[in-house]
Protein backbone atom coordinates (compact mmCIF):
# COMPACT_ATOMS: atom_id res chain seq x y z
CA MET A 1 2.36 -32.99 29.53
CA LYS A 2 5.58 -33.73 27.78
CA ARG A 3 5.92 -31.47 24.71
CA LEU A 4 7.07 -32.83 21.38
CA LEU A 5 10.57 -33.81 20.75
CA ALA A 6 12.61 -33.91 17.65
CA LEU A 7 12.89 -35.31 14.15
CA CYS A 8 14.83 -34.29 11.04
CA LEU A 9 14.30 -35.49 7.47
CA ALA A 10 17.26 -35.79 5.15
CA VAL A 11 16.58 -34.28 1.74
CA GLY A 12 18.94 -34.89 -1.17
CA ILE A 13 19.66 -31.80 -3.25
CA ALA A 14 20.01 -32.57 -6.93
CA ALA A 15 22.66 -30.46 -8.62
CA CYS A 16 22.23 -29.07 -12.11
CA GLY A 17 24.80 -29.74 -14.81
CA ASP A 18 27.90 -31.79 -14.14
CA GLY A 19 28.78 -30.38 -10.73
CA PRO A 20 28.84 -32.45 -7.55
CA VAL A 21 25.63 -33.30 -5.75
CA SER A 22 25.36 -31.87 -2.25
CA VAL A 23 23.84 -34.35 0.17
CA PRO A 24 23.00 -33.21 3.70
CA PRO A 25 24.11 -35.33 6.63
CA PRO A 26 21.72 -37.98 7.89
CA PRO A 27 19.18 -36.90 10.49
CA PRO A 28 19.84 -37.51 14.16
CA PRO A 29 18.10 -40.52 15.66
CA PRO A 30 14.65 -40.01 17.20
CA PRO A 31 14.45 -39.64 20.97
CA PRO A 32 14.45 -42.87 22.96
CA GLY A 33 11.16 -44.66 22.88
CA GLU A 34 9.75 -42.82 19.84
CA THR A 35 10.31 -43.78 16.23
CA ARG A 36 9.88 -41.44 13.27
CA ALA A 37 6.90 -43.49 12.18
CA GLN A 38 5.24 -42.97 15.55
CA LEU A 39 5.84 -39.23 15.38
CA ILE A 40 4.41 -39.03 11.87
CA ALA A 41 1.36 -40.96 13.02
CA ALA A 42 0.88 -38.61 15.97
CA VAL A 43 1.06 -35.52 13.76
CA ARG A 44 -1.36 -37.00 11.25
CA GLN A 45 -3.81 -37.90 13.99
CA LEU A 46 -3.67 -34.39 15.45
CA ALA A 47 -4.12 -32.82 12.00
CA GLU A 48 -7.18 -34.99 11.45
CA VAL A 49 -8.63 -34.09 14.83
CA ARG A 50 -7.97 -30.39 14.12
CA ASN A 51 -9.59 -30.83 10.69
CA LEU A 52 -6.58 -29.44 8.83
CA ASP A 53 -6.46 -29.73 5.06
CA PRO A 54 -4.23 -28.29 2.33
CA ILE A 55 -5.12 -24.72 1.54
CA GLU A 56 -7.19 -24.30 -1.61
CA ALA A 57 -5.85 -22.41 -4.59
CA PRO A 58 -7.89 -19.42 -5.78
CA THR A 59 -10.14 -19.43 -8.80
CA PRO A 60 -8.19 -18.20 -11.84
CA VAL A 61 -8.46 -14.48 -12.55
CA ARG A 62 -8.78 -13.15 -16.10
CA SER A 63 -5.45 -11.93 -17.38
CA ALA A 64 -6.56 -8.44 -18.41
CA LEU A 65 -7.69 -7.71 -14.85
CA VAL A 66 -4.47 -9.13 -13.38
CA GLU A 67 -2.29 -7.01 -15.64
CA LEU A 68 -4.28 -3.87 -14.84
CA GLY A 69 -3.98 -4.59 -11.13
CA ARG A 70 -0.27 -5.29 -11.47
CA VAL A 71 0.61 -1.92 -12.97
CA LEU A 72 -1.72 -0.05 -10.62
CA ALA A 73 -0.11 -1.69 -7.58
CA PHE A 74 3.37 -0.63 -8.74
CA ASP A 75 2.47 2.81 -10.15
CA LYS A 76 3.34 5.82 -8.02
CA ILE A 77 0.67 7.83 -9.79
CA LEU A 78 -1.70 6.71 -7.03
CA SER A 79 0.24 8.75 -4.44
CA GLY A 80 -0.15 12.47 -3.93
CA ASN A 81 3.37 13.46 -4.89
CA ARG A 82 3.89 10.52 -7.21
CA ASP A 83 6.70 9.24 -4.97
CA ILE A 84 5.36 5.96 -3.57
CA SER A 85 3.25 3.04 -4.77
CA CYS A 86 1.29 0.35 -2.98
CA MET A 87 4.22 -2.00 -3.47
CA SER A 88 6.81 0.40 -2.06
CA CYS A 89 5.87 -0.93 1.38
CA HIS A 90 5.05 -4.42 0.06
CA LEU A 91 8.24 -5.06 -1.85
CA PRO A 92 8.58 -8.33 -3.79
CA SER A 93 12.23 -8.40 -2.73
CA PHE A 94 11.06 -8.52 0.90
CA ALA A 95 8.27 -11.08 0.49
CA THR A 96 5.61 -8.34 0.13
CA GLY A 97 6.82 -6.53 3.25
CA ASP A 98 9.66 -4.09 3.70
CA GLY A 99 11.91 -5.71 6.31
CA ARG A 100 11.19 -2.96 8.84
CA SER A 101 9.46 -2.92 12.20
CA LEU A 102 7.38 0.03 10.99
CA SER A 103 7.06 1.23 7.42
CA ILE A 104 8.15 4.62 6.14
CA GLY A 105 5.68 6.21 3.76
CA GLN A 106 5.60 9.14 1.36
CA GLY A 107 8.33 11.74 1.29
CA ALA A 108 11.12 9.24 1.92
CA THR A 109 13.97 7.84 -0.16
CA GLY A 110 15.40 4.35 -0.46
CA LEU A 111 13.67 1.01 -0.06
CA GLY A 112 13.15 -1.50 2.71
CA PRO A 113 15.63 -1.28 5.60
CA ASP A 114 17.48 1.49 3.72
CA ARG A 115 14.45 3.75 3.44
CA LEU A 116 14.85 7.11 5.22
CA HIS A 117 12.46 9.96 5.87
CA PRO A 118 13.89 13.46 6.32
CA GLY A 119 11.61 14.01 9.30
CA GLY A 120 12.21 10.59 10.83
CA THR A 121 8.54 9.74 10.28
CA PHE A 122 7.24 6.19 10.59
CA ILE A 123 3.88 4.64 9.74
CA PRO A 124 2.29 3.47 13.03
CA ARG A 125 2.03 -0.20 12.05
CA ASN A 126 4.04 -2.95 10.42
CA SER A 127 3.46 -3.62 6.74
CA PRO A 128 1.50 -6.90 6.55
CA PRO A 129 2.29 -9.49 3.87
CA LEU A 130 0.00 -9.98 0.87
CA PHE A 131 0.10 -13.77 0.59
CA ASN A 132 -3.04 -15.89 0.16
CA LEU A 133 -5.47 -13.03 0.60
CA HIS A 134 -8.07 -15.00 -1.36
CA VAL A 135 -9.00 -16.74 1.91
CA ALA A 136 -9.01 -13.60 4.10
CA LYS A 137 -12.06 -11.74 5.37
CA GLN A 138 -10.44 -8.89 7.34
CA PHE A 139 -7.76 -6.47 6.21
CA PHE A 140 -5.37 -4.16 8.05
CA TRP A 141 -4.24 -4.95 11.58
CA ASP A 142 -7.47 -3.63 13.07
CA GLY A 143 -9.77 -5.19 10.47
CA ARG A 144 -11.22 -1.86 9.44
CA VAL A 145 -12.00 -3.34 6.05
CA GLU A 146 -13.87 -6.59 6.54
CA GLU A 147 -16.57 -8.89 5.29
CA LEU A 148 -19.21 -9.30 7.98
CA PRO A 149 -20.99 -12.61 8.67
CA ASP A 150 -23.98 -11.53 6.59
CA GLY A 151 -21.73 -10.94 3.59
CA THR A 152 -21.79 -7.14 3.71
CA ILE A 153 -18.56 -5.17 3.62
CA ARG A 154 -17.65 -2.66 6.32
CA THR A 155 -15.07 0.03 5.60
CA PRO A 156 -14.01 3.43 6.98
CA ALA A 157 -15.82 5.07 4.04
CA GLY A 158 -19.28 4.12 5.28
CA GLY A 159 -21.94 5.15 2.77
CA GLN A 160 -19.38 6.71 0.44
CA LEU A 161 -18.68 3.18 -0.73
CA THR A 162 -21.86 2.97 -2.78
CA PRO A 163 -23.83 -0.13 -3.84
CA ASP A 164 -22.75 0.54 -7.44
CA MET A 165 -19.11 0.46 -6.35
CA GLU A 166 -19.60 -2.73 -4.34
CA ALA A 167 -21.24 -4.33 -7.38
CA VAL A 168 -17.84 -4.11 -9.10
CA PHE A 169 -16.13 -6.18 -6.41
CA GLU A 170 -15.17 -9.72 -7.40
CA PHE A 171 -13.04 -10.67 -4.38
CA GLY A 172 -15.17 -9.70 -1.40
CA ALA A 173 -13.69 -7.29 1.11
CA LEU A 174 -10.26 -7.67 -0.51
CA SER A 175 -11.60 -5.67 -3.45
CA ALA A 176 -12.08 -2.72 -1.08
CA GLN A 177 -8.63 -2.89 0.55
CA ALA A 178 -6.77 -0.67 -1.93
CA LEU A 179 -9.34 2.13 -1.54
CA PHE A 180 -7.79 3.28 1.73
CA PRO A 181 -3.97 3.53 1.74
CA VAL A 182 -4.35 6.18 -0.99
CA GLU A 183 -6.31 8.33 1.52
CA SER A 184 -3.66 8.18 4.25
CA ARG A 185 -1.51 11.29 4.21
CA SER A 186 1.50 9.60 5.82
CA GLU A 187 1.30 6.52 3.62
CA MET A 188 0.57 7.89 0.15
CA ARG A 189 -1.37 11.18 -0.11
CA ALA A 190 0.96 13.71 1.61
CA ASP A 191 -0.10 16.80 3.54
CA THR A 192 0.38 19.48 0.91
CA GLY A 193 1.58 20.23 -2.57
CA ASN A 194 -0.68 18.16 -4.81
CA ASP A 195 -4.26 17.74 -5.97
CA LEU A 196 -4.89 14.72 -3.72
CA ALA A 197 -3.58 16.46 -0.61
CA ALA A 198 -6.04 19.30 -1.23
CA VAL A 199 -9.02 16.95 -0.77
CA PRO A 200 -10.48 17.29 2.75
CA ASP A 201 -9.85 14.36 5.08
CA GLY A 202 -12.69 11.88 5.02
CA ASP A 203 -13.99 12.93 1.60
CA PHE A 204 -13.32 9.57 -0.03
CA THR A 205 -15.66 10.28 -2.92
CA ALA A 206 -13.68 13.34 -4.04
CA LEU A 207 -10.34 11.59 -3.51
CA TRP A 208 -11.30 8.55 -5.57
CA ALA A 209 -12.68 10.79 -8.33
CA ALA A 210 -9.39 12.74 -8.41
CA LEU A 211 -7.45 9.51 -8.81
CA MET A 212 -9.62 8.47 -11.74
CA VAL A 213 -8.95 11.85 -13.37
CA ARG A 214 -5.23 11.16 -13.09
CA LEU A 215 -5.58 7.66 -14.54
CA GLY A 216 -7.95 8.79 -17.28
CA ALA A 217 -5.39 11.28 -18.57
CA ILE A 218 -3.21 8.34 -19.66
CA ALA A 219 -4.44 6.61 -22.81
CA GLU A 220 -2.85 3.28 -21.89
CA TYR A 221 -4.76 3.18 -18.62
CA ARG A 222 -8.04 3.90 -20.35
CA SER A 223 -7.51 1.00 -22.73
CA MET A 224 -6.35 -1.36 -19.96
CA PHE A 225 -9.41 -0.58 -17.81
CA GLU A 226 -11.74 -1.17 -20.73
CA ALA A 227 -10.00 -4.44 -21.60
CA ALA A 228 -10.33 -5.62 -18.00
CA TYR A 229 -14.02 -4.63 -17.77
CA THR A 230 -15.36 -5.49 -21.20
CA GLY A 231 -18.42 -3.50 -22.19
CA THR A 232 -17.86 -0.65 -19.70
CA ALA A 233 -16.43 2.68 -20.81
CA PHE A 234 -13.66 4.14 -18.68
CA ASP A 235 -15.68 7.30 -18.09
CA ASP A 236 -18.37 5.17 -16.43
CA MET A 237 -15.90 3.57 -14.01
CA THR A 238 -14.94 4.52 -10.46
CA PHE A 239 -11.89 3.86 -8.33
CA ALA A 240 -13.65 0.70 -7.21
CA HIS A 241 -12.65 -0.74 -10.59
CA ALA A 242 -9.00 0.07 -9.82
CA SER A 243 -9.16 -1.36 -6.30
CA ASN A 244 -10.86 -4.52 -7.55
CA ALA A 245 -8.12 -4.95 -10.18
CA ILE A 246 -5.38 -4.65 -7.54
CA ALA A 247 -7.18 -7.33 -5.55
CA GLY A 248 -7.27 -9.53 -8.64
CA PHE A 249 -3.52 -9.12 -9.01
CA TYR A 250 -2.95 -10.14 -5.38
CA VAL A 251 -5.18 -13.18 -5.73
CA SER A 252 -3.67 -14.35 -8.99
CA GLU A 253 0.01 -13.70 -8.36
CA LEU A 254 0.48 -13.92 -4.59
CA ALA A 255 -1.39 -17.10 -3.69
CA PHE A 256 1.07 -19.85 -2.75
CA THR A 257 -0.40 -23.18 -1.75
CA ALA A 258 2.28 -25.79 -2.54
CA THR A 259 4.10 -25.90 0.78
CA PRO A 260 5.81 -28.96 2.29
CA TRP A 261 3.03 -29.06 4.89
CA ASP A 262 0.34 -29.10 2.19
CA VAL A 263 2.16 -31.95 0.43
CA PHE A 264 2.65 -33.80 3.72
CA LEU A 265 -1.02 -33.76 4.67
CA PRO A 266 -2.24 -35.99 1.79
CA GLY A 267 0.40 -38.59 2.57
CA ASP A 268 3.97 -37.63 1.62
CA ASP A 269 5.84 -38.46 4.84
CA GLY A 270 9.16 -37.23 3.50
CA GLN A 271 8.19 -33.56 3.37
CA LEU A 272 8.92 -32.70 7.01
CA THR A 273 12.07 -33.07 9.03
CA ASP A 274 11.94 -34.67 12.44
CA GLN A 275 12.25 -31.26 14.06
CA GLN A 276 9.38 -29.95 11.95
CA LEU A 277 7.26 -32.93 12.94
CA ARG A 278 7.97 -32.18 16.58
CA GLY A 279 7.08 -28.57 15.97
CA ALA A 280 3.83 -29.49 14.22
CA ARG A 281 2.81 -31.60 17.16
CA SER A 282 3.74 -28.86 19.61
CA PHE A 283 1.85 -26.26 17.58
CA MET A 284 -1.31 -28.37 17.58
CA ASP A 285 -0.89 -29.47 21.20
CA PHE A 286 0.35 -26.31 22.91
CA GLY A 287 -2.68 -24.14 22.22
CA CYS A 288 -1.48 -22.21 19.16
CA MET A 289 -4.53 -23.40 17.26
CA PHE A 290 -6.92 -21.53 19.50
CA CYS A 291 -6.03 -18.56 17.29
CA HIS A 292 -4.40 -20.26 14.29
CA GLY A 293 -6.89 -23.06 13.77
CA ALA A 294 -7.96 -22.81 10.13
CA ASP A 295 -6.19 -24.27 7.10
CA GLU A 296 -4.59 -20.86 6.50
CA PHE A 297 -3.71 -20.74 10.23
CA ASP A 298 -5.77 -17.79 11.38
CA ASP A 299 -9.19 -17.54 13.01
CA GLY A 300 -10.73 -14.40 11.53
CA LYS A 301 -10.63 -12.80 14.98
CA PHE A 302 -8.68 -10.28 17.00
CA HIS A 303 -6.57 -10.81 20.12
CA ASN A 304 -4.38 -9.00 22.62
CA VAL A 305 -1.34 -11.24 22.84
CA ALA A 306 0.61 -8.96 25.17
CA VAL A 307 3.12 -7.45 22.78
CA PRO A 308 4.79 -4.12 23.64
CA GLN A 309 3.75 -0.88 21.98
CA LEU A 310 6.28 1.23 20.09
CA GLY A 311 6.44 3.85 17.39
CA PRO A 312 4.29 6.95 16.83
CA GLY A 313 1.05 5.16 17.70
CA LYS A 314 -2.38 5.95 16.32
CA GLY A 315 -3.21 8.94 18.50
CA ASP A 316 -4.50 6.89 21.41
CA GLY A 317 -3.69 7.11 25.11
CA PRO A 318 -2.49 10.08 27.19
CA GLY A 319 0.42 10.97 24.91
CA GLY A 320 -1.26 9.98 21.65
CA ASN A 321 1.41 7.39 20.90
CA ASP A 322 -0.56 4.32 21.92
CA ASP A 323 -2.52 2.10 19.54
CA PHE A 324 -5.87 0.78 20.70
CA GLY A 325 -6.19 -1.57 17.70
CA ARG A 326 -9.63 -3.07 17.15
CA GLU A 327 -11.27 -0.60 19.54
CA ARG A 328 -10.62 2.09 16.93
CA VAL A 329 -13.02 0.24 14.62
CA THR A 330 -15.70 -0.96 17.00
CA GLY A 331 -15.60 1.73 19.68
CA ASP A 332 -15.78 -1.04 22.27
CA PRO A 333 -13.25 -0.65 25.13
CA SER A 334 -13.15 -4.44 25.50
CA ASP A 335 -11.48 -4.50 22.06
CA ARG A 336 -8.59 -2.32 23.24
CA ARG A 337 -5.20 -3.48 21.88
CA LEU A 338 -6.75 -6.40 20.00
CA PHE A 339 -5.16 -7.01 16.60
CA LYS A 340 -5.97 -9.34 13.76
CA THR A 341 -4.64 -12.89 13.89
CA PRO A 342 -2.18 -13.09 10.99
CA GLN A 343 -2.09 -15.99 8.57
CA LEU A 344 1.04 -18.10 8.90
CA ARG A 345 1.62 -19.16 5.30
CA ASN A 346 5.12 -18.10 4.20
CA VAL A 347 5.63 -16.51 7.63
CA GLU A 348 9.30 -17.53 7.57
CA LEU A 349 9.85 -14.87 4.88
CA THR A 350 7.99 -11.94 6.41
CA ALA A 351 9.96 -10.70 9.44
CA PRO A 352 9.70 -8.57 11.54
CA TYR A 353 6.59 -9.83 13.32
CA GLY A 354 3.82 -8.18 15.30
CA HIS A 355 1.53 -5.23 14.59
CA ALA A 356 4.48 -2.91 15.22
CA GLY A 357 7.21 -5.29 14.08
CA GLN A 358 8.29 -5.99 17.64
CA PHE A 359 10.01 -9.33 16.91
CA ALA A 360 12.95 -9.53 14.56
CA GLU A 361 13.04 -13.32 14.26
CA LEU A 362 10.44 -16.04 13.91
CA VAL A 363 11.63 -17.99 16.92
CA ALA A 364 11.43 -14.82 19.02
CA ILE A 365 7.71 -14.33 18.49
CA VAL A 366 7.10 -18.05 19.06
CA ARG A 367 9.06 -17.87 22.31
CA HIS A 368 6.95 -14.86 23.36
CA TYR A 369 4.07 -17.25 24.08
CA ASP A 370 6.14 -19.13 26.65
CA ASP A 371 5.18 -17.46 29.96
CA ILE A 372 3.78 -14.48 28.07
CA ASP A 373 3.44 -12.04 30.98
CA ARG A 374 7.11 -12.42 31.84
CA ARG A 375 8.12 -12.16 28.20
CA LEU A 376 6.32 -8.84 27.87
CA THR A 377 7.84 -7.51 31.08
CA GLU A 378 11.34 -8.57 30.01
CA PHE A 379 11.01 -7.63 26.33
CA ASP A 380 14.38 -7.05 24.69
CA ALA A 381 14.12 -3.80 22.74
CA THR A 382 17.40 -4.43 20.91
CA GLN A 383 15.54 -6.60 18.42
CA VAL A 384 13.69 -3.48 17.23
CA GLU A 385 15.43 -1.19 14.75
CA PRO A 386 17.53 1.45 16.59
CA ALA A 387 15.44 4.48 15.65
CA LEU A 388 12.42 2.97 17.42
CA ARG A 389 13.98 1.65 20.61
CA GLY A 390 13.34 4.88 22.47
CA THR A 391 9.64 4.86 21.57
CA MET A 392 8.68 1.86 23.72
CA LEU A 393 5.74 2.74 25.97
CA ASP A 394 5.93 1.93 29.66
CA ASN A 395 2.41 0.48 29.78
CA VAL A 396 2.86 -3.20 30.62
CA SER A 397 0.06 -3.18 33.19
CA ASP A 398 -2.36 -1.61 30.71
CA ILE A 399 -1.52 -4.22 28.07
CA LEU A 400 -1.93 -7.09 30.53
CA ALA A 401 -5.24 -5.74 31.80
CA ASN A 402 -7.13 -7.29 28.89
CA ARG A 403 -4.65 -9.65 27.26
CA ASP A 404 -6.26 -12.77 25.88
CA VAL A 405 -6.89 -15.41 28.55
CA LEU A 406 -5.95 -18.07 26.00
CA THR A 407 -2.33 -17.01 26.40
CA VAL A 408 -2.15 -17.25 30.19
CA ASP A 409 -0.15 -19.90 32.06
CA ARG A 410 1.38 -21.57 29.03
CA PHE A 411 4.96 -22.75 29.31
CA MET A 412 7.20 -24.41 26.74
CA GLU A 413 9.82 -27.03 27.27
CA VAL A 414 13.43 -26.43 26.29
CA GLY A 415 13.76 -26.44 22.51
CA GLU A 416 10.03 -26.35 21.84
CA ALA A 417 9.98 -22.82 20.45
CA GLU A 418 12.76 -23.78 18.03
CA ASP A 419 10.77 -26.85 16.95
CA ILE A 420 7.63 -24.80 16.29
CA ALA A 421 9.61 -22.21 14.34
CA ALA A 422 11.12 -25.00 12.24
CA TRP A 423 7.65 -26.35 11.49
CA LEU A 424 6.45 -22.87 10.52
CA GLU A 425 9.14 -22.92 7.86
CA SER A 426 7.33 -25.88 6.31
CA LEU A 427 4.51 -23.44 5.52
CA THR A 428 6.73 -21.73 2.95
CA ASP A 429 5.94 -22.39 -0.68
CA PRO A 430 9.32 -22.50 -2.49
CA ALA A 431 7.82 -20.39 -5.27
CA ALA A 432 7.33 -17.52 -2.81
CA ARG A 433 11.06 -17.15 -2.22
CA ASP A 434 11.61 -15.22 -5.45
CA LEU A 435 8.82 -12.83 -6.40
CA SER A 436 10.66 -10.99 -9.14
CA PHE A 437 8.17 -12.43 -11.63
CA VAL A 438 5.36 -10.24 -10.27
CA VAL A 439 7.12 -6.97 -11.12
CA PRO A 440 6.02 -5.23 -14.35
CA SER A 441 8.68 -4.02 -16.75
CA SER A 442 7.07 -0.56 -16.74
CA VAL A 443 3.91 1.25 -15.68
CA PRO A 444 1.70 3.47 -17.86
CA SER A 445 2.66 6.66 -16.02
CA GLY A 446 6.32 6.08 -16.83
CA LEU A 447 7.27 6.62 -13.19
CA PRO A 448 10.04 4.46 -11.65
CA ILE A 449 9.14 1.11 -10.10
CA ASP A 450 10.00 0.02 -6.56
CA SER A 451 10.52 -3.72 -6.20
């Protein structure tokens, strides 16, 4: 079937002040036999058939909770050696990522692509973006924190996450997400040299209590917690209150729902260029929506999409440098190398892509789905940062052994990957391009802020 061909909408750019107005050149004509109006109609019909609607904005979050969550997310007091915060790997200046294939955690210096660890240590997985988490049900690449169909929350802490703690949660499983990076030694806690590092691995209860002792020693934190949770004394709170506040900050400040695509859907034909219209039609027609079928463009599931494995891994496989993904959560070998379907909102801003940041550019990961077995076999490691190129595993046959059948025997026409990538850019809310507004001027600990 012939795959979507091109369109390109001219948008006038209004200049401020008395300077000249920059006007882009007119769009190229549509391909023979297809008018722009026909292409718009085709995209609208497909969107209706796929039941796509604009993404909903979250319910407003009370300001005292947002401000508490903001400072907690940026405060390095939550790390063992007070050298890294949640946002050090989710930098506002890098669209809540860090611009790296794999993140570099505690014990390092610098930020983003300039961050260096004296031991050359990497976190095993790419730092996922924090956009529009109000519509998410699973968190982390393997979904180890998730809301199950019956509404219960499953986490690595098991019964240590008590009913009283869950009763604090206002944002479902998202409220539990921040409970776990603080436990990771490579991400935040460190191996030695501080009170948090001394807590035995797996003793979440003791770790969370130690963090509350740290926070409770700062008068400003005590007052901020009590303002955010009116009627509850700080001494009666747990780290669930902190994690819930961080979730409230994410929901309030990092939800972006005013994209050109969302404005196009209700009827504004001028929002998408011709190329983006072609890409939208390709995306909906090629099979992308088998996994990216909801309004937020995910499916709440996990897939093996035949991407190469690189980096230190998660301790799996013969050498310990493989990553078995979802199997690590479920224990089911059929879940081996399955990873969470990422949302696609603001995806233009969040490179590199893949659970290990295997793809440096958006069009590269789109093109990966064109003859996917060959793409894996011929993967170009030069798009990965130099320090990781030598860590690629030679395990193509193992990856292909259970790659998702939805990806098999799909081939794109010339230019189709570029069209789809152009349409994905229409999922960017302009307000997400500059996140400097989310950064606090200071944090109660007085520690420096990474942004």
